[in-house]
């Protein structure tokens, strides 16, 4: 019963993995986004423009820690590149 229940629950609550790729494809290829107006736009799932969460902005400050963030991202994703 447990395995079947979890499978049904996952089917109802989760989306196919391809939907994750749609957001990235939208961000990279959409004609709705223009370099002049949307440079650095923050794209969230389902192809929506949004803003970065306030707690993340507060941690970054006025660009003081952006280099640290970049280095952390590079270090964490290096094994996948």
N, C-alpha and C. Protein backbone atom coordinates (compact mmCIF):
# COMPACT_ATOMS: atom_id res chain seq x y z
N UNK A 1 0.81 -1.19 0.00
CA UNK A 1 0.00 0.00 0.00
C UNK A 1 0.86 1.26 0.00
N UNK A 2 1.92 1.27 0.76
CA UNK A 2 2.76 2.45 0.91
C UNK A 2 3.39 2.91 -0.39
N UNK A 3 3.95 1.98 -1.13
CA UNK A 3 4.63 2.31 -2.38
C UNK A 3 3.65 2.85 -3.42
N UNK A 4 2.49 2.24 -3.52
CA UNK A 4 1.46 2.69 -4.46
C UNK A 4 0.95 4.07 -4.07
N UNK A 5 0.73 4.27 -2.79
CA UNK A 5 0.25 5.57 -2.31
C UNK A 5 1.24 6.67 -2.64
N UNK A 6 2.52 6.42 -2.40
CA UNK A 6 3.55 7.42 -2.69
C UNK A 6 3.63 7.69 -4.18
N UNK A 7 3.51 6.67 -5.00
CA UNK A 7 3.53 6.86 -6.45
C UNK A 7 2.37 7.73 -6.92
N UNK A 8 1.19 7.46 -6.40
CA UNK A 8 0.01 8.26 -6.77
C UNK A 8 0.17 9.69 -6.28
N UNK A 9 0.64 9.86 -5.06
CA UNK A 9 0.85 11.18 -4.51
C UNK A 9 1.89 11.96 -5.32
N UNK A 10 2.98 11.32 -5.68
CA UNK A 10 4.01 11.99 -6.49
C UNK A 10 3.46 12.38 -7.85
N UNK A 11 2.65 11.51 -8.45
CA UNK A 11 2.06 11.81 -9.75
C UNK A 11 1.15 13.04 -9.66
N UNK A 12 0.41 13.15 -8.58
CA UNK A 12 -0.53 14.26 -8.43
C UNK A 12 0.14 15.57 -8.06
N UNK A 13 1.24 15.51 -7.31
CA UNK A 13 1.87 16.72 -6.80
C UNK A 13 3.09 17.19 -7.57
N UNK A 14 3.71 16.32 -8.33
CA UNK A 14 4.95 16.67 -9.01
C UNK A 14 4.71 16.83 -10.51
N UNK A 15 5.60 17.55 -11.12
CA UNK A 15 5.52 17.75 -12.56
C UNK A 15 6.63 16.96 -13.24
N UNK A 16 6.46 16.69 -14.50
CA UNK A 16 7.47 15.99 -15.27
C UNK A 16 8.76 16.84 -15.32
N UNK A 17 9.93 16.22 -15.35
CA UNK A 17 11.19 16.97 -15.37
C UNK A 17 11.31 17.96 -16.53
N UNK A 18 10.67 17.69 -17.65
CA UNK A 18 10.78 18.59 -18.79
C UNK A 18 10.29 19.99 -18.46
N UNK A 19 9.36 20.11 -17.50
CA UNK A 19 8.85 21.43 -17.13
C UNK A 19 9.94 22.29 -16.50
N UNK A 20 10.92 21.68 -15.88
CA UNK A 20 12.06 22.44 -15.35
C UNK A 20 12.88 23.04 -16.46
N UNK A 21 13.02 22.34 -17.55
CA UNK A 21 13.78 22.85 -18.69
C UNK A 21 13.05 23.99 -19.39
N UNK A 22 11.74 23.98 -19.35
CA UNK A 22 10.98 25.04 -20.02
C UNK A 22 11.32 26.42 -19.48
N UNK A 23 11.55 26.54 -18.18
CA UNK A 23 11.90 27.83 -17.60
C UNK A 23 13.22 28.33 -18.15
N UNK A 24 14.20 27.44 -18.24
CA UNK A 24 15.51 27.84 -18.75
C UNK A 24 15.44 28.18 -20.23
N UNK A 25 14.67 27.42 -20.97
CA UNK A 25 14.52 27.71 -22.40
C UNK A 25 13.85 29.07 -22.57
N UNK A 26 12.83 29.35 -21.78
CA UNK A 26 12.16 30.64 -21.84
C UNK A 26 13.16 31.77 -21.54
N UNK A 27 13.95 31.61 -20.48
CA UNK A 27 14.89 32.66 -20.09
C UNK A 27 15.94 32.90 -21.17
N UNK A 28 16.33 31.86 -21.87
CA UNK A 28 17.38 32.02 -22.87
C UNK A 28 16.90 32.42 -24.24
N UNK A 29 15.68 32.06 -24.61
CA UNK A 29 15.25 32.25 -26.00
C UNK A 29 14.00 33.10 -26.19
N UNK A 30 13.34 33.50 -25.12
CA UNK A 30 12.06 34.20 -25.27
C UNK A 30 12.22 35.57 -25.91
N UNK A 31 11.35 35.88 -26.82
CA UNK A 31 11.33 37.20 -27.41
C UNK A 31 10.61 38.19 -26.51
N UNK A 32 9.98 37.70 -25.44
CA UNK A 32 9.34 38.58 -24.46
C UNK A 32 10.38 39.33 -23.62
N UNK A 33 11.59 38.79 -23.57
CA UNK A 33 12.66 39.40 -22.79
C UNK A 33 13.59 40.14 -23.73
N UNK A 34 13.82 41.41 -23.46
CA UNK A 34 14.71 42.22 -24.29
C UNK A 34 15.96 42.59 -23.50
N UNK A 35 17.09 42.57 -24.14
CA UNK A 35 18.35 42.89 -23.47
C UNK A 35 18.29 44.30 -22.89
N UNK A 36 17.66 45.22 -23.61
CA UNK A 36 17.62 46.61 -23.16
C UNK A 36 16.85 46.78 -21.85
N UNK A 37 15.78 46.00 -21.66
CA UNK A 37 14.91 46.19 -20.51
C UNK A 37 15.05 45.11 -19.44
N UNK A 38 15.44 43.93 -19.82
CA UNK A 38 15.40 42.79 -18.91
C UNK A 38 16.78 42.22 -18.58
N UNK A 39 17.83 42.98 -18.81
CA UNK A 39 19.17 42.50 -18.49
C UNK A 39 19.26 42.20 -17.01
N UNK A 40 19.63 40.99 -16.67
CA UNK A 40 19.74 40.58 -15.27
C UNK A 40 18.41 40.22 -14.64
N UNK A 41 17.39 39.99 -15.44
CA UNK A 41 16.07 39.63 -14.89
C UNK A 41 16.18 38.30 -14.15
N UNK A 42 15.39 38.16 -13.14
CA UNK A 42 15.35 36.94 -12.33
C UNK A 42 14.12 36.15 -12.77
N UNK A 43 14.35 35.04 -13.46
CA UNK A 43 13.26 34.23 -14.00
C UNK A 43 13.00 33.07 -13.05
N UNK A 44 11.74 32.93 -12.66
CA UNK A 44 11.34 31.86 -11.74
C UNK A 44 10.53 30.83 -12.52
N UNK A 45 10.25 29.66 -11.92
CA UNK A 45 9.51 28.63 -12.65
C UNK A 45 8.24 29.13 -13.32
N UNK A 46 7.93 28.48 -14.41
CA UNK A 46 6.79 28.79 -15.27
C UNK A 46 7.00 30.07 -16.06
N UNK A 47 8.27 30.47 -16.25
CA UNK A 47 8.58 31.59 -17.11
C UNK A 47 8.04 32.92 -16.63
N UNK A 48 8.22 33.20 -15.36
CA UNK A 48 7.75 34.47 -14.80
C UNK A 48 8.94 35.29 -14.35
N UNK A 49 8.89 36.60 -14.60
CA UNK A 49 9.91 37.50 -14.08
C UNK A 49 9.56 37.82 -12.64
N UNK A 50 10.58 37.88 -11.80
CA UNK A 50 10.36 38.15 -10.39
C UNK A 50 11.55 38.95 -9.87
N UNK A 51 11.58 39.15 -8.58
CA UNK A 51 12.71 39.81 -7.95
C UNK A 51 13.39 38.81 -7.03
N UNK A 52 14.63 39.10 -6.72
CA UNK A 52 15.38 38.23 -5.82
C UNK A 52 14.83 38.43 -4.41
N UNK A 53 14.78 37.35 -3.65
CA UNK A 53 14.25 37.42 -2.28
C UNK A 53 15.00 38.47 -1.47
N UNK A 54 14.30 39.21 -0.62
CA UNK A 54 14.94 40.26 0.18
C UNK A 54 16.07 39.77 1.07
N UNK A 55 15.97 38.55 1.62
CA UNK A 55 17.04 38.06 2.48
C UNK A 55 18.33 37.81 1.70
N UNK A 56 18.20 37.42 0.45
CA UNK A 56 19.39 37.22 -0.39
C UNK A 56 20.02 38.56 -0.73
N UNK A 57 19.19 39.54 -1.08
CA UNK A 57 19.68 40.89 -1.39
C UNK A 57 20.40 41.47 -0.18
N UNK A 58 19.82 41.27 1.02
CA UNK A 58 20.44 41.79 2.23
C UNK A 58 21.81 41.16 2.47
N UNK A 59 21.94 39.86 2.20
CA UNK A 59 23.23 39.19 2.38
C UNK A 59 24.27 39.68 1.39
N UNK A 60 23.84 39.96 0.17
CA UNK A 60 24.78 40.43 -0.84
C UNK A 60 25.19 41.87 -0.61
N UNK A 61 24.33 42.66 0.00
CA UNK A 61 24.65 44.07 0.21
C UNK A 61 24.69 44.79 -1.12
N UNK A 62 25.50 45.79 -1.19
CA UNK A 62 25.64 46.57 -2.43
C UNK A 62 26.76 46.01 -3.28
N UNK A 63 26.69 44.73 -3.58
CA UNK A 63 27.68 44.11 -4.44
C UNK A 63 28.95 43.70 -3.72
N UNK A 64 29.01 43.93 -2.40
CA UNK A 64 30.22 43.61 -1.65
C UNK A 64 30.50 42.12 -1.62
N UNK A 65 29.44 41.33 -1.52
CA UNK A 65 29.62 39.90 -1.38
C UNK A 65 29.32 39.13 -2.67
N UNK A 66 29.06 39.83 -3.75
CA UNK A 66 28.70 39.14 -4.98
C UNK A 66 29.85 38.27 -5.48
N UNK A 67 31.08 38.72 -5.27
CA UNK A 67 32.23 37.90 -5.68
C UNK A 67 32.30 36.62 -4.86
N UNK A 68 32.00 36.70 -3.57
CA UNK A 68 31.97 35.51 -2.72
C UNK A 68 30.89 34.54 -3.19
N UNK A 69 29.73 35.08 -3.54
CA UNK A 69 28.65 34.23 -4.04
C UNK A 69 29.07 33.53 -5.32
N UNK A 70 29.68 34.27 -6.23
CA UNK A 70 30.13 33.68 -7.49
C UNK A 70 31.13 32.56 -7.24
N UNK A 71 32.08 32.79 -6.36
CA UNK A 71 33.08 31.78 -6.04
C UNK A 71 32.44 30.54 -5.42
N UNK A 72 31.46 30.76 -4.52
CA UNK A 72 30.77 29.63 -3.90
C UNK A 72 30.03 28.82 -4.95
N UNK A 73 29.32 29.50 -5.85
CA UNK A 73 28.58 28.78 -6.92
C UNK A 73 29.53 27.99 -7.80
N UNK A 74 30.64 28.60 -8.16
CA UNK A 74 31.63 27.89 -8.98
C UNK A 74 32.17 26.66 -8.26
N UNK A 75 32.48 26.82 -6.98
CA UNK A 75 33.03 25.70 -6.20
C UNK A 75 32.02 24.56 -6.08
N UNK A 76 30.75 24.90 -5.84
CA UNK A 76 29.73 23.90 -5.63
C UNK A 76 29.34 23.17 -6.92
N UNK A 77 29.45 23.83 -8.05
CA UNK A 77 29.00 23.23 -9.32
C UNK A 77 30.14 22.73 -10.19
N UNK A 78 31.38 22.91 -9.74
CA UNK A 78 32.55 22.51 -10.54
C UNK A 78 32.49 21.03 -10.92
N UNK A 79 32.03 20.18 -10.03
CA UNK A 79 32.01 18.75 -10.29
C UNK A 79 31.02 18.36 -11.39
N UNK A 80 30.07 19.24 -11.72
CA UNK A 80 29.08 18.93 -12.72
C UNK A 80 29.40 19.51 -14.10
N UNK A 81 30.40 20.34 -14.16
CA UNK A 81 30.75 21.01 -15.43
C UNK A 81 31.66 20.13 -16.28
